[in-house]
Amino acid sequence: MKVIKVKEIPLSLARDLLSARQKSIPLEPYQASALSHASKFSKLPPDKSEKLVEELTSEFKLSRATAVQVANIVPSTPQELRVLLAKESRVFLPEDLEKVLEVVKKYTG
């Protein structure tokens, strides 16, 4: 297999891509493991996940990697969110965290 492009994607999209691939050819063991993990832990549909990632990157200037993790985990408290935002190179005020959580709730509700 040849890597053409590297891009962070939400678990739900990985699940759908691996499921589609599984229909045409058998998955490698690591792919089957990734599909199992994505099936168990993805919380949003792929379209909502991608829209959430786009909104987080554009509105809050989060890196794509961080936004994908937020979409995968769907934090519900400021403490959970703060852990995910730790890799960002800036400080988030409590009101910023609440605004991000409101956006996340918009996609989960």
Protein backbone atom coordinates (compact mmCIF):
# COMPACT_ATOMS: atom_id res chain seq x y z
CA MET A 1 0.00 0.00 0.00
CA LYS A 2 1.29 3.44 -0.90
CA VAL A 3 0.56 6.58 1.16
CA ILE A 4 -0.72 9.29 -1.15
CA LYS A 5 -1.78 11.90 1.38
CA VAL A 6 -1.66 12.25 5.16
CA LYS A 7 -4.65 13.97 6.75
CA GLU A 8 -6.25 13.67 10.16
CA ILE A 9 -9.80 12.36 9.85
CA PRO A 10 -12.53 11.70 12.42
CA LEU A 11 -13.11 8.12 13.58
CA SER A 12 -16.51 7.99 11.91
CA LEU A 13 -15.00 8.76 8.51
CA ALA A 14 -12.27 6.15 9.06
CA ARG A 15 -14.99 3.66 9.96
CA ASP A 16 -16.89 4.37 6.75
CA LEU A 17 -13.76 4.22 4.57
CA LEU A 18 -12.65 0.92 6.08
CA SER A 19 -16.16 -0.53 5.81
CA ALA A 20 -16.30 0.38 2.12
CA ARG A 21 -12.84 -1.11 1.56
CA GLN A 22 -13.88 -4.30 3.36
CA LYS A 23 -16.66 -4.82 0.81
CA SER A 24 -14.20 -4.92 -2.08
CA ILE A 25 -11.13 -6.66 -0.60
CA PRO A 26 -10.23 -8.34 2.70
CA LEU A 27 -8.78 -5.98 5.29
CA GLU A 28 -5.28 -6.41 6.67
CA PRO A 29 -5.27 -7.33 10.38
CA TYR A 30 -4.33 -3.79 11.45
CA GLN A 31 -7.12 -2.38 9.27
CA ALA A 32 -9.65 -4.77 10.81
CA SER A 33 -8.48 -3.69 14.25
CA ALA A 34 -8.83 -0.02 13.29
CA LEU A 35 -12.34 -0.69 11.93
CA SER A 36 -13.34 -2.40 15.16
CA HIS A 37 -12.01 0.51 17.23
CA ALA A 38 -13.67 3.14 15.04
CA SER A 39 -16.98 1.26 15.13
CA LYS A 40 -16.95 1.11 18.93
CA PHE A 41 -15.82 4.65 19.65
CA SER A 42 -17.09 6.97 16.91
CA LYS A 43 -19.83 9.18 18.31
CA LEU A 44 -20.95 11.36 15.40
CA PRO A 45 -21.82 10.63 11.77
CA PRO A 46 -19.01 11.46 9.31
CA ASP A 47 -20.75 14.52 7.86
CA LYS A 48 -21.34 16.08 11.28
CA SER A 49 -17.81 15.22 12.41
CA GLU A 50 -16.27 16.93 9.41
CA LYS A 51 -18.49 20.01 9.80
CA LEU A 52 -17.56 20.22 13.48
CA VAL A 53 -13.86 19.99 12.61
CA GLU A 54 -14.23 22.73 10.01
CA GLU A 55 -16.08 25.01 12.43
CA LEU A 56 -13.53 24.46 15.21
CA THR A 57 -10.59 25.17 12.93
CA SER A 58 -12.13 28.27 11.38
CA GLU A 59 -13.90 29.85 14.35
CA PHE A 60 -11.48 28.95 17.15
CA LYS A 61 -8.26 28.60 15.11
CA LEU A 62 -7.61 25.09 16.43
CA SER A 63 -5.21 22.83 14.60
CA ARG A 64 -6.91 20.16 12.51
CA ALA A 65 -5.43 17.43 14.72
CA THR A 66 -6.94 18.97 17.86
CA ALA A 67 -10.29 19.62 16.19
CA VAL A 68 -10.44 15.98 15.06
CA GLN A 69 -9.77 14.82 18.61
CA VAL A 70 -12.57 17.06 19.88
CA ALA A 71 -14.91 15.57 17.25
CA ASN A 72 -13.84 12.03 18.18
CA ILE A 73 -14.19 12.42 21.94
CA VAL A 74 -17.09 14.93 22.04
CA PRO A 75 -16.18 16.44 25.42
CA SER A 76 -19.02 17.59 27.62
CA THR A 77 -17.16 19.43 30.38
CA PRO A 78 -14.56 22.19 30.39
CA GLN A 79 -12.13 19.81 32.13
CA GLU A 80 -12.39 17.23 29.35
CA LEU A 81 -12.00 19.92 26.72
CA ARG A 82 -9.01 21.50 28.45
CA VAL A 83 -7.13 18.17 28.23
CA LEU A 84 -7.73 18.04 24.47
CA LEU A 85 -6.66 21.67 24.00
CA ALA A 86 -3.42 21.24 25.96
CA LYS A 87 -1.40 20.81 22.74
CA GLU A 88 -2.54 24.14 21.38
CA SER A 89 0.00 26.91 21.88
CA ARG A 90 -2.29 29.31 23.66
CA VAL A 91 -4.36 29.68 26.79
CA PHE A 92 -8.12 29.25 26.65
CA LEU A 93 -10.20 31.27 29.08
CA PRO A 94 -13.23 29.63 30.74
CA GLU A 95 -15.58 31.58 28.46
CA ASP A 96 -13.66 30.30 25.41
CA LEU A 97 -14.08 26.74 26.64
CA GLU A 98 -17.81 27.28 27.07
CA LYS A 99 -18.10 28.63 23.52
CA VAL A 100 -16.31 25.57 22.14
CA LEU A 101 -18.56 23.28 24.18
CA GLU A 102 -21.64 25.08 22.80
CA VAL A 103 -20.44 24.35 19.27
CA VAL A 104 -19.83 20.70 20.16
CA LYS A 105 -23.34 20.44 21.70
CA LYS A 106 -24.81 21.88 18.50
CA TYR A 107 -23.51 18.84 16.59
CA THR A 108 -24.39 16.24 19.23
CA GLY A 109 -27.91 17.40 20.00
